[in-house]
Amino acid sequence: MVQYSHSQLDRGIRCRSDGNPKLQALCDASDKPDPKDGKGTMGVVGFLYDMPIFAKATKAPRVGMSSTHCEYMAETEC
């Protein structure tokens, strides 16, 4: 991703007013535990006018008891 972005320096990212004006947010989580602390990973990304405005990837705040629990923790973070 970094290599592609660097190769497109002259193009940039365009935010257009005819894009989707509604804030959209996506999230996902993994219930595969880290052997050190038992916590899974999760990520969130938000879009406005079809342009990403925030993104975050982190460990879950606590150990998930199921895949559903992990997904709800990611949704809460989002």
N, C-alpha and C. Protein backbone atom coordinates (compact mmCIF):
# COMPACT_ATOMS: atom_id res chain seq x y z
N MET A 1 0.83 -1.19 0.00
CA MET A 1 0.00 0.00 0.00
C MET A 1 0.87 1.25 0.00
N VAL A 2 1.91 1.25 0.82
CA VAL A 2 2.80 2.40 0.89
C VAL A 2 3.51 2.59 -0.45
N GLN A 3 3.95 1.48 -1.04
CA GLN A 3 4.64 1.56 -2.33
C GLN A 3 3.70 2.13 -3.40
N TYR A 4 2.45 1.68 -3.43
CA TYR A 4 1.49 2.21 -4.41
C TYR A 4 1.26 3.70 -4.18
N SER A 5 1.05 4.10 -2.93
CA SER A 5 0.83 5.51 -2.63
C SER A 5 2.01 6.36 -3.07
N HIS A 6 3.21 5.87 -2.82
CA HIS A 6 4.40 6.61 -3.22
C HIS A 6 4.50 6.72 -4.74
N SER A 7 4.08 5.68 -5.46
CA SER A 7 4.16 5.72 -6.92
C SER A 7 3.10 6.65 -7.53
N GLN A 8 2.10 7.06 -6.74
CA GLN A 8 1.03 7.92 -7.24
C GLN A 8 1.09 9.33 -6.64
N LEU A 9 2.28 9.79 -6.28
CA LEU A 9 2.41 11.10 -5.62
C LEU A 9 1.83 12.24 -6.45
N ASP A 10 1.93 12.16 -7.76
CA ASP A 10 1.44 13.25 -8.61
C ASP A 10 -0.08 13.23 -8.77
N ARG A 11 -0.74 12.16 -8.36
CA ARG A 11 -2.19 12.05 -8.53
C ARG A 11 -2.94 12.47 -7.28
N GLY A 12 -2.48 12.03 -6.11
CA GLY A 12 -3.15 12.39 -4.87
C GLY A 12 -4.51 11.73 -4.68
N ILE A 13 -5.26 12.20 -3.69
CA ILE A 13 -6.61 11.72 -3.41
C ILE A 13 -7.55 12.90 -3.56
N ARG A 14 -8.62 12.70 -4.29
CA ARG A 14 -9.57 13.78 -4.53
C ARG A 14 -10.84 13.54 -3.73
N CYS A 15 -11.25 14.54 -3.01
CA CYS A 15 -12.51 14.49 -2.28
C CYS A 15 -13.50 15.34 -3.06
N ARG A 16 -14.58 14.71 -3.52
CA ARG A 16 -15.52 15.43 -4.38
C ARG A 16 -16.85 15.63 -3.69
N SER A 17 -17.49 16.72 -3.98
CA SER A 17 -18.77 17.03 -3.34
C SER A 17 -19.90 16.17 -3.89
N ASP A 18 -19.70 15.47 -5.00
CA ASP A 18 -20.77 14.62 -5.53
C ASP A 18 -20.68 13.19 -5.01
N GLY A 19 -19.79 12.95 -4.04
CA GLY A 19 -19.69 11.63 -3.41
C GLY A 19 -20.82 11.43 -2.41
N ASN A 20 -20.79 10.31 -1.72
CA ASN A 20 -21.82 10.00 -0.72
C ASN A 20 -21.63 10.89 0.51
N PRO A 21 -22.60 11.78 0.82
CA PRO A 21 -22.43 12.71 1.93
C PRO A 21 -22.67 12.09 3.31
N LYS A 22 -23.09 10.83 3.35
CA LYS A 22 -23.35 10.18 4.64
C LYS A 22 -22.08 9.57 5.19
N LEU A 23 -21.87 9.74 6.49
CA LEU A 23 -20.73 9.13 7.15
C LEU A 23 -20.93 7.62 7.20
N GLN A 24 -19.95 6.88 6.70
CA GLN A 24 -20.01 5.43 6.74
C GLN A 24 -18.82 4.92 7.54
N ALA A 25 -19.04 3.94 8.35
CA ALA A 25 -17.96 3.36 9.15
C ALA A 25 -18.03 1.84 9.05
N LEU A 26 -16.86 1.23 8.93
CA LEU A 26 -16.75 -0.22 8.84
C LEU A 26 -15.83 -0.71 9.94
N CYS A 27 -16.09 -1.89 10.45
CA CYS A 27 -15.23 -2.45 11.48
C CYS A 27 -15.15 -3.96 11.31
N ASP A 28 -14.08 -4.52 11.83
CA ASP A 28 -13.90 -5.96 11.80
C ASP A 28 -13.00 -6.34 12.96
N ALA A 29 -13.13 -7.58 13.40
CA ALA A 29 -12.34 -8.06 14.53
C ALA A 29 -11.96 -9.51 14.32
N SER A 30 -10.90 -9.90 14.98
CA SER A 30 -10.45 -11.28 14.96
C SER A 30 -10.55 -11.84 16.37
N ASP A 31 -11.02 -13.08 16.48
CA ASP A 31 -11.06 -13.69 17.80
C ASP A 31 -9.86 -14.62 18.03
N LYS A 32 -8.87 -14.53 17.13
CA LYS A 32 -7.64 -15.30 17.32
C LYS A 32 -6.81 -14.59 18.39
N PRO A 33 -6.59 -15.21 19.53
CA PRO A 33 -5.91 -14.52 20.63
C PRO A 33 -4.40 -14.41 20.43
N ASP A 34 -3.86 -13.32 20.95
CA ASP A 34 -2.41 -13.16 21.02
C ASP A 34 -1.92 -14.07 22.14
N PRO A 35 -0.90 -14.88 21.91
CA PRO A 35 -0.43 -15.80 22.96
C PRO A 35 0.06 -15.09 24.22
N LYS A 36 0.47 -13.83 24.09
CA LYS A 36 1.00 -13.10 25.26
C LYS A 36 -0.08 -12.64 26.22
N ASP A 37 -1.17 -12.10 25.69
CA ASP A 37 -2.20 -11.55 26.59
C ASP A 37 -3.62 -12.05 26.31
N GLY A 38 -3.82 -12.84 25.27
CA GLY A 38 -5.13 -13.41 25.00
C GLY A 38 -6.10 -12.49 24.26
N LYS A 39 -5.67 -11.28 23.92
CA LYS A 39 -6.55 -10.32 23.25
C LYS A 39 -6.44 -10.46 21.74
N GLY A 40 -7.54 -10.25 21.04
CA GLY A 40 -7.54 -10.28 19.59
C GLY A 40 -7.27 -8.90 19.00
N THR A 41 -7.28 -8.81 17.68
CA THR A 41 -7.08 -7.52 17.01
C THR A 41 -8.38 -7.05 16.40
N MET A 42 -8.46 -5.75 16.16
CA MET A 42 -9.64 -5.18 15.54
C MET A 42 -9.24 -3.93 14.77
N GLY A 43 -10.09 -3.54 13.83
CA GLY A 43 -9.83 -2.36 13.03
C GLY A 43 -11.11 -1.65 12.65
N VAL A 44 -11.00 -0.34 12.44
CA VAL A 44 -12.14 0.47 12.02
C VAL A 44 -11.67 1.45 10.94
N VAL A 45 -12.58 1.83 10.06
CA VAL A 45 -12.31 2.84 9.04
C VAL A 45 -13.60 3.60 8.78
N GLY A 46 -13.48 4.91 8.55
CA GLY A 46 -14.64 5.74 8.30
C GLY A 46 -14.49 6.50 6.99
N PHE A 47 -15.61 6.70 6.29
CA PHE A 47 -15.62 7.39 5.00
C PHE A 47 -16.63 8.53 5.03
N LEU A 48 -16.29 9.62 4.37
CA LEU A 48 -17.21 10.73 4.15
C LEU A 48 -16.95 11.24 2.74
N TYR A 49 -18.00 11.37 1.95
CA TYR A 49 -17.87 11.72 0.53
C TYR A 49 -16.94 10.75 -0.18
N ASP A 50 -17.06 9.47 0.14
CA ASP A 50 -16.29 8.38 -0.48
C ASP A 50 -14.79 8.51 -0.25
N MET A 51 -14.38 9.26 0.74
CA MET A 51 -12.96 9.42 1.05
C MET A 51 -12.71 8.93 2.47
N PRO A 52 -11.68 8.12 2.69
CA PRO A 52 -11.39 7.68 4.06
C PRO A 52 -10.97 8.87 4.92
N ILE A 53 -11.61 9.03 6.07
CA ILE A 53 -11.27 10.15 6.95
C ILE A 53 -10.65 9.69 8.27
N PHE A 54 -10.83 8.42 8.62
CA PHE A 54 -10.13 7.89 9.79
C PHE A 54 -9.98 6.39 9.66
N ALA A 55 -8.94 5.89 10.27
CA ALA A 55 -8.70 4.44 10.29
C ALA A 55 -7.90 4.13 11.54
N LYS A 56 -8.16 2.96 12.11
CA LYS A 56 -7.45 2.56 13.32
C LYS A 56 -7.41 1.04 13.39
N ALA A 57 -6.24 0.52 13.70
CA ALA A 57 -6.08 -0.91 13.94
C ALA A 57 -5.41 -1.05 15.30
N THR A 58 -5.98 -1.88 16.15
CA THR A 58 -5.48 -2.00 17.52
C THR A 58 -5.87 -3.36 18.10
N LYS A 59 -5.39 -3.61 19.30
CA LYS A 59 -5.83 -4.80 20.04
C LYS A 59 -7.14 -4.48 20.74
N ALA A 60 -7.91 -5.52 20.95
CA ALA A 60 -9.17 -5.36 21.67
C ALA A 60 -8.87 -4.93 23.11
N PRO A 61 -9.78 -4.17 23.72
CA PRO A 61 -9.53 -3.70 25.08
C PRO A 61 -9.53 -4.81 26.13
N ARG A 62 -10.20 -5.93 25.83
CA ARG A 62 -10.22 -7.06 26.76
C ARG A 62 -10.30 -8.36 25.98
N VAL A 63 -10.14 -9.45 26.64
CA VAL A 63 -10.19 -10.76 26.00
C VAL A 63 -11.63 -11.06 25.58
N GLY A 64 -11.80 -11.43 24.31
CA GLY A 64 -13.13 -11.76 23.80
C GLY A 64 -13.52 -13.18 24.17
N MET A 65 -14.77 -13.36 24.54
CA MET A 65 -15.26 -14.68 24.92
C MET A 65 -15.79 -15.46 23.72
N SER A 66 -16.07 -14.76 22.61
CA SER A 66 -16.56 -15.40 21.39
C SER A 66 -16.29 -14.45 20.22
N SER A 67 -16.50 -14.94 19.00
CA SER A 67 -16.30 -14.07 17.84
C SER A 67 -17.31 -12.91 17.85
N THR A 68 -18.52 -13.18 18.31
CA THR A 68 -19.53 -12.13 18.41
C THR A 68 -19.10 -11.06 19.41
N HIS A 69 -18.58 -11.47 20.54
CA HIS A 69 -18.10 -10.52 21.54
C HIS A 69 -16.99 -9.64 20.95
N CYS A 70 -16.06 -10.26 20.21
CA CYS A 70 -14.98 -9.49 19.59
C CYS A 70 -15.52 -8.49 18.59
N GLU A 71 -16.50 -8.89 17.79
CA GLU A 71 -17.09 -7.99 16.80
C GLU A 71 -17.80 -6.81 17.49
N TYR A 72 -18.48 -7.07 18.60
CA TYR A 72 -19.16 -5.98 19.32
C TYR A 72 -18.15 -5.02 19.93
N MET A 73 -17.02 -5.51 20.39
CA MET A 73 -15.98 -4.60 20.90
C MET A 73 -15.47 -3.70 19.79
N ALA A 74 -15.28 -4.24 18.59
CA ALA A 74 -14.84 -3.43 17.45
C ALA A 74 -15.91 -2.42 17.07
N GLU A 75 -17.16 -2.84 17.10
CA GLU A 75 -18.26 -1.93 16.77
C GLU A 75 -18.35 -0.78 17.77
N THR A 76 -18.13 -1.08 19.03
CA THR A 76 -18.14 -0.04 20.06
C THR A 76 -17.00 0.96 19.83
N GLU A 77 -15.84 0.46 19.47
CA GLU A 77 -14.70 1.33 19.17
C GLU A 77 -15.00 2.22 17.96
N CYS A 78 -15.70 1.64 16.98
CA CYS A 78 -16.03 2.37 15.77
C CYS A 78 -16.98 3.51 16.07
